[in-house]
C-alpha cells in the first residue's frame, strides 16, 4: 500500500513532507475498531456523571428507558433535557475525554439541537 506524503505543523510552520512508515492509515479497517475501544472511555465518563446526578438522559418509550449517549461509527449523540447546565456538563465530559485520550472534539463541526418527545 503506497502512502501519501504528510507534513506536520510545528509552531504554525509546516515541516518537510515525509512518507509515514508505520502505523495506521486513513481507511484502515482497524481504525474504526480502535476508535470504538477508545470512546468506551467516553461512555464511562457519561456513566460517572449520571451516577453523580450531574447529567440525566431522556426517557423514551412505554418502558421509559433512559437514553443519554448513542454512538454510531464516528458520531456521538448526547441526549438530555435542554438546559444550560447539561450543555456545561457535556462540554466538561468532552474536555476530560480529550485529556485522557488525546482525541479532541471539533466544536465548529458539532451541532446542538432540540427535539421534543411526546409520550
N, C-alpha and C. Protein backbone atom coordinates (compact mmCIF):
# COMPACT_ATOMS: atom_id res chain seq x y z
N UNK A 1 0.84 -1.17 0.00
CA UNK A 1 0.00 0.00 0.00
C UNK A 1 0.89 1.24 0.00
N UNK A 2 0.74 2.05 -1.00
CA UNK A 2 1.50 3.30 -1.12
C UNK A 2 0.90 4.33 -0.20
N UNK A 3 1.73 5.08 0.46
CA UNK A 3 1.26 6.08 1.40
C UNK A 3 1.47 7.47 0.84
N UNK A 4 0.56 8.35 1.17
CA UNK A 4 0.71 9.75 0.78
C UNK A 4 1.80 10.39 1.63
N UNK A 5 2.29 11.50 1.18
CA UNK A 5 3.25 12.24 1.99
C UNK A 5 2.48 13.14 2.94
N UNK A 6 3.06 13.38 4.10
CA UNK A 6 2.42 14.23 5.09
C UNK A 6 3.41 15.26 5.59
N UNK A 7 2.87 16.31 6.16
CA UNK A 7 3.67 17.36 6.77
C UNK A 7 3.01 17.70 8.09
N UNK A 8 3.79 18.06 9.08
CA UNK A 8 3.26 18.37 10.41
C UNK A 8 3.53 19.84 10.70
N UNK A 9 2.54 20.50 11.31
CA UNK A 9 2.73 21.88 11.72
C UNK A 9 3.45 21.92 13.06
N UNK A 10 4.56 22.61 13.13
CA UNK A 10 5.29 22.81 14.37
C UNK A 10 5.36 24.31 14.62
N UNK A 11 4.74 24.75 15.68
CA UNK A 11 4.64 26.18 15.99
C UNK A 11 4.09 26.97 14.80
N UNK A 12 3.11 26.38 14.12
CA UNK A 12 2.45 27.05 13.00
C UNK A 12 3.17 26.96 11.67
N UNK A 13 4.35 26.35 11.63
CA UNK A 13 5.10 26.22 10.37
C UNK A 13 5.18 24.75 9.96
N UNK A 14 4.93 24.44 8.68
CA UNK A 14 4.97 23.05 8.24
C UNK A 14 6.40 22.51 8.16
N UNK A 15 6.55 21.23 8.54
CA UNK A 15 7.84 20.56 8.39
C UNK A 15 7.98 20.10 6.95
N UNK A 16 9.13 19.52 6.62
CA UNK A 16 9.29 18.92 5.30
C UNK A 16 8.34 17.73 5.19
N UNK A 17 7.89 17.46 3.96
CA UNK A 17 7.00 16.32 3.75
C UNK A 17 7.77 15.01 3.90
N UNK A 18 7.08 13.98 4.41
CA UNK A 18 7.68 12.66 4.56
C UNK A 18 6.59 11.61 4.38
N UNK A 19 7.02 10.38 4.12
CA UNK A 19 6.08 9.26 3.99
C UNK A 19 6.07 8.47 5.29
N UNK A 20 4.89 8.31 5.90
CA UNK A 20 4.83 7.52 7.12
C UNK A 20 5.24 6.07 6.83
N UNK A 21 5.99 5.48 7.72
CA UNK A 21 6.47 4.11 7.52
C UNK A 21 5.72 3.10 8.37
N UNK A 22 5.14 3.53 9.47
CA UNK A 22 4.42 2.64 10.37
C UNK A 22 3.09 3.24 10.77
N UNK A 23 2.30 2.43 11.44
CA UNK A 23 1.05 2.93 12.00
C UNK A 23 -0.13 2.71 11.07
N UNK A 24 -1.26 3.19 11.52
CA UNK A 24 -2.50 3.05 10.77
C UNK A 24 -2.65 4.22 9.81
N UNK A 25 -3.27 3.93 8.71
CA UNK A 25 -3.55 4.96 7.73
C UNK A 25 -5.05 5.15 7.62
N UNK A 26 -5.45 6.32 7.17
CA UNK A 26 -6.87 6.58 6.98
C UNK A 26 -7.46 5.52 6.07
N UNK A 27 -8.60 4.99 6.47
CA UNK A 27 -9.24 3.95 5.68
C UNK A 27 -8.92 2.55 6.15
N UNK A 28 -7.92 2.41 7.01
CA UNK A 28 -7.58 1.09 7.54
C UNK A 28 -8.76 0.59 8.37
N UNK A 29 -9.23 -0.65 8.14
CA UNK A 29 -10.40 -1.15 8.89
C UNK A 29 -10.18 -1.21 10.40
N UNK A 30 -8.94 -1.28 10.83
CA UNK A 30 -8.66 -1.35 12.25
C UNK A 30 -8.92 -0.02 12.96
N UNK A 31 -8.90 1.09 12.22
CA UNK A 31 -9.08 2.41 12.81
C UNK A 31 -10.43 2.52 13.52
N UNK A 32 -11.50 2.08 12.85
CA UNK A 32 -12.84 2.17 13.46
C UNK A 32 -12.93 1.33 14.72
N UNK A 33 -12.33 0.15 14.71
CA UNK A 33 -12.35 -0.72 15.88
C UNK A 33 -11.61 -0.07 17.04
N UNK A 34 -10.43 0.47 16.78
CA UNK A 34 -9.66 1.14 17.84
C UNK A 34 -10.40 2.36 18.37
N UNK A 35 -11.06 3.09 17.47
CA UNK A 35 -11.84 4.26 17.88
C UNK A 35 -12.93 3.84 18.86
N UNK A 36 -13.63 2.75 18.56
CA UNK A 36 -14.70 2.29 19.44
C UNK A 36 -14.17 1.88 20.80
N UNK A 37 -13.00 1.29 20.84
CA UNK A 37 -12.40 0.91 22.12
C UNK A 37 -12.08 2.17 22.94
N UNK A 38 -11.49 3.17 22.29
CA UNK A 38 -11.11 4.39 23.00
C UNK A 38 -12.33 5.15 23.48
N UNK A 39 -13.37 5.26 22.65
CA UNK A 39 -14.54 6.04 23.07
C UNK A 39 -15.37 5.31 24.11
N UNK A 40 -15.04 4.07 24.41
CA UNK A 40 -15.69 3.41 25.54
C UNK A 40 -15.39 4.20 26.83
N UNK A 41 -14.24 4.87 26.85
CA UNK A 41 -13.91 5.75 27.97
C UNK A 41 -14.88 6.91 28.09
N UNK A 42 -15.36 7.41 26.96
CA UNK A 42 -16.35 8.48 26.97
C UNK A 42 -17.65 7.98 27.61
N UNK A 43 -18.03 6.77 27.28
CA UNK A 43 -19.21 6.16 27.90
C UNK A 43 -19.04 6.09 29.41
N UNK A 44 -17.84 5.73 29.86
CA UNK A 44 -17.57 5.68 31.29
C UNK A 44 -17.69 7.04 31.95
N UNK A 45 -17.23 8.09 31.29
CA UNK A 45 -17.34 9.44 31.85
C UNK A 45 -18.81 9.86 31.96
N UNK A 46 -19.61 9.53 30.94
CA UNK A 46 -21.03 9.86 30.99
C UNK A 46 -21.70 9.07 32.11
N UNK A 47 -21.35 7.80 32.25
CA UNK A 47 -21.91 6.96 33.31
C UNK A 47 -21.59 7.55 34.70
N UNK A 48 -20.36 8.03 34.87
CA UNK A 48 -19.97 8.63 36.15
C UNK A 48 -20.72 9.94 36.41
N UNK A 49 -20.90 10.75 35.38
CA UNK A 49 -21.65 12.00 35.55
C UNK A 49 -23.10 11.69 35.91
N UNK A 50 -23.65 10.65 35.31
CA UNK A 50 -25.01 10.25 35.63
C UNK A 50 -25.10 9.73 37.07
N UNK A 51 -24.13 8.92 37.48
CA UNK A 51 -24.10 8.37 38.83
C UNK A 51 -24.02 9.49 39.87
N UNK A 52 -23.28 10.55 39.55
CA UNK A 52 -23.14 11.69 40.46
C UNK A 52 -24.30 12.68 40.33
N UNK A 53 -25.32 12.31 39.57
CA UNK A 53 -26.50 13.14 39.29
C UNK A 53 -26.16 14.51 38.72
N UNK A 54 -25.07 14.56 37.95
CA UNK A 54 -24.71 15.79 37.24
C UNK A 54 -25.36 15.84 35.86
N UNK A 55 -25.73 14.70 35.34
CA UNK A 55 -26.24 14.60 33.97
C UNK A 55 -27.32 13.53 33.93
N UNK A 56 -28.44 13.85 33.31
CA UNK A 56 -29.52 12.88 33.14
C UNK A 56 -29.94 12.83 31.69
N UNK A 57 -30.18 11.64 31.21
CA UNK A 57 -30.64 11.47 29.84
C UNK A 57 -32.14 11.72 29.75
N UNK A 58 -32.71 11.31 28.65
CA UNK A 58 -34.15 11.44 28.45
C UNK A 58 -34.77 10.05 28.51
N UNK A 59 -36.02 9.99 28.92
CA UNK A 59 -36.73 8.72 28.97
C UNK A 59 -37.55 8.57 27.70
N UNK A 60 -37.44 7.40 27.08
CA UNK A 60 -38.16 7.15 25.82
C UNK A 60 -38.95 5.85 25.92
N UNK A 61 -40.03 5.79 25.15
CA UNK A 61 -40.82 4.57 25.06
C UNK A 61 -41.75 4.35 26.23
N UNK A 62 -42.58 3.33 26.09
CA UNK A 62 -43.54 3.00 27.14
C UNK A 62 -42.85 2.44 28.37
N UNK A 63 -41.66 1.86 28.20
CA UNK A 63 -40.89 1.35 29.33
C UNK A 63 -40.07 2.44 30.01
N UNK A 64 -40.10 3.64 29.44
CA UNK A 64 -39.37 4.80 29.97
C UNK A 64 -37.88 4.49 30.15
N UNK A 65 -37.28 3.96 29.10
CA UNK A 65 -35.85 3.64 29.10
C UNK A 65 -35.07 4.94 29.02
N UNK A 66 -34.07 5.08 29.89
CA UNK A 66 -33.27 6.31 29.88
C UNK A 66 -32.14 6.17 28.86
N UNK A 67 -32.07 7.15 27.97
CA UNK A 67 -31.03 7.21 26.93
C UNK A 67 -30.25 8.49 27.16
N UNK A 68 -28.92 8.37 27.18
CA UNK A 68 -28.11 9.58 27.34
C UNK A 68 -26.99 9.68 26.32
N UNK A 69 -26.61 8.56 25.69
CA UNK A 69 -25.50 8.58 24.75
C UNK A 69 -25.70 7.47 23.73
N UNK A 70 -25.60 7.82 22.47
CA UNK A 70 -25.62 6.83 21.39
C UNK A 70 -24.42 7.10 20.50
N UNK A 71 -23.76 6.03 20.06
CA UNK A 71 -22.60 6.18 19.18
C UNK A 71 -22.81 5.33 17.93
N UNK A 72 -22.49 5.92 16.80
CA UNK A 72 -22.59 5.23 15.52
C UNK A 72 -21.40 5.66 14.68
N UNK A 73 -20.57 4.68 14.32
CA UNK A 73 -19.36 4.95 13.55
C UNK A 73 -18.55 6.02 14.29
N UNK A 74 -18.31 7.15 13.66
CA UNK A 74 -17.51 8.21 14.29
C UNK A 74 -18.39 9.34 14.80
N UNK A 75 -19.67 9.05 15.02
CA UNK A 75 -20.60 10.06 15.51
C UNK A 75 -21.05 9.71 16.91
N UNK A 76 -21.18 10.72 17.74
CA UNK A 76 -21.66 10.54 19.10
C UNK A 76 -22.83 11.49 19.32
N UNK A 77 -23.90 10.95 19.88
CA UNK A 77 -25.10 11.74 20.14
C UNK A 77 -25.38 11.72 21.64
N UNK A 78 -25.48 12.91 22.25
CA UNK A 78 -25.87 13.04 23.64
C UNK A 78 -27.36 13.37 23.68
N UNK A 79 -28.07 12.76 24.61
CA UNK A 79 -29.48 13.04 24.79
C UNK A 79 -29.69 13.49 26.23
N UNK A 80 -30.31 14.67 26.38
CA UNK A 80 -30.57 15.20 27.72
C UNK A 80 -31.66 16.25 27.62
N UNK A 81 -32.14 16.66 28.77
CA UNK A 81 -33.11 17.74 28.80
C UNK A 81 -32.40 19.03 28.40
N UNK A 82 -33.08 19.91 27.69
CA UNK A 82 -32.43 21.15 27.24
C UNK A 82 -32.22 22.12 28.41
N UNK A 83 -30.96 22.22 28.83
CA UNK A 83 -30.63 23.17 29.89
C UNK A 83 -29.17 23.59 29.73
N UNK A 84 -28.90 24.78 30.20
CA UNK A 84 -27.53 25.30 30.16
C UNK A 84 -26.61 24.40 30.98
N UNK A 85 -27.10 23.92 32.11
CA UNK A 85 -26.32 23.03 32.97
C UNK A 85 -25.88 21.78 32.21
N UNK A 86 -26.79 21.15 31.48
CA UNK A 86 -26.43 19.93 30.73
C UNK A 86 -25.40 20.21 29.64
N UNK A 87 -25.50 21.37 29.00
CA UNK A 87 -24.50 21.73 27.98
C UNK A 87 -23.13 21.87 28.63
N UNK A 88 -23.07 22.50 29.79
CA UNK A 88 -21.79 22.65 30.50
C UNK A 88 -21.23 21.30 30.92
N UNK A 89 -22.09 20.39 31.38
CA UNK A 89 -21.64 19.06 31.78
C UNK A 89 -21.09 18.30 30.58
N UNK A 90 -21.80 18.36 29.45
CA UNK A 90 -21.32 17.67 28.24
C UNK A 90 -19.96 18.22 27.83
N UNK A 91 -19.82 19.53 27.85
CA UNK A 91 -18.54 20.12 27.47
C UNK A 91 -17.42 19.70 28.43
N UNK A 92 -17.72 19.63 29.73
CA UNK A 92 -16.73 19.18 30.71
C UNK A 92 -16.36 17.72 30.46
N UNK A 93 -17.34 16.89 30.13
CA UNK A 93 -17.08 15.48 29.82
C UNK A 93 -16.16 15.38 28.61
N UNK A 94 -16.45 16.16 27.57
CA UNK A 94 -15.63 16.10 26.35
C UNK A 94 -14.22 16.61 26.60
N UNK A 95 -14.07 17.65 27.42
CA UNK A 95 -12.73 18.14 27.75
C UNK A 95 -11.96 17.11 28.56
N UNK A 96 -12.63 16.43 29.48
CA UNK A 96 -11.98 15.37 30.26
C UNK A 96 -11.56 14.22 29.35
N UNK A 97 -12.44 13.88 28.42
CA UNK A 97 -12.14 12.81 27.47
C UNK A 97 -10.91 13.17 26.64
N UNK A 98 -10.81 14.43 26.23
CA UNK A 98 -9.64 14.88 25.47
C UNK A 98 -8.36 14.72 26.28
N UNK A 99 -8.43 15.06 27.58
CA UNK A 99 -7.24 14.98 28.42
C UNK A 99 -6.75 13.54 28.58
N UNK A 100 -7.68 12.59 28.70
CA UNK A 100 -7.27 11.21 28.95
C UNK A 100 -6.99 10.43 27.67
N UNK A 101 -7.62 10.81 26.55
CA UNK A 101 -7.46 10.02 25.32
C UNK A 101 -6.57 10.68 24.28
N UNK A 102 -6.44 11.99 24.33
CA UNK A 102 -5.70 12.70 23.29
C UNK A 102 -6.57 13.03 22.09
N UNK A 103 -7.81 12.53 22.05
CA UNK A 103 -8.74 12.86 20.97
C UNK A 103 -9.47 14.13 21.34
N UNK A 104 -9.74 14.95 20.36
CA UNK A 104 -10.44 16.19 20.65
C UNK A 104 -11.67 16.34 19.78
N UNK A 105 -12.61 17.11 20.25
CA UNK A 105 -13.84 17.37 19.52
C UNK A 105 -13.68 18.69 18.78
N UNK A 106 -14.04 18.70 17.52
CA UNK A 106 -14.06 19.95 16.77
C UNK A 106 -15.44 20.58 17.00
N UNK A 107 -15.50 21.52 17.92
CA UNK A 107 -16.78 22.12 18.27
C UNK A 107 -17.37 22.92 17.11
N UNK A 108 -16.55 23.31 16.13
CA UNK A 108 -17.08 24.02 14.96
C UNK A 108 -17.87 23.09 14.06
N UNK A 109 -17.60 21.78 14.14
CA UNK A 109 -18.34 20.80 13.35
C UNK A 109 -19.45 20.13 14.16
N UNK A 110 -19.57 20.52 15.42
CA UNK A 110 -20.57 19.92 16.30
C UNK A 110 -21.89 20.68 16.19
N UNK A 111 -22.97 19.98 16.46
CA UNK A 111 -24.31 20.57 16.37
C UNK A 111 -25.06 20.30 17.66
N UNK A 112 -25.73 21.32 18.15
CA UNK A 112 -26.62 21.17 19.30
C UNK A 112 -28.02 21.41 18.79
N UNK A 113 -28.91 20.50 19.10
CA UNK A 113 -30.29 20.63 18.64
C UNK A 113 -31.26 20.29 19.73
N UNK A 114 -32.52 20.56 19.48
CA UNK A 114 -33.57 20.33 20.46
C UNK A 114 -34.66 19.53 19.78
N UNK A 115 -34.99 18.40 20.35
CA UNK A 115 -36.11 17.57 19.88
C UNK A 115 -37.10 17.45 21.02
N UNK A 116 -38.36 17.59 20.72
CA UNK A 116 -39.37 17.45 21.76
C UNK A 116 -39.99 16.07 21.66
N UNK A 117 -39.96 15.33 22.76
CA UNK A 117 -40.52 13.98 22.81
C UNK A 117 -41.89 14.04 23.46
N UNK A 118 -42.84 13.31 22.89
CA UNK A 118 -44.17 13.20 23.46
C UNK A 118 -44.46 11.74 23.75
N UNK A 119 -45.01 11.46 24.90
CA UNK A 119 -45.40 10.09 25.25
C UNK A 119 -46.88 9.88 25.01
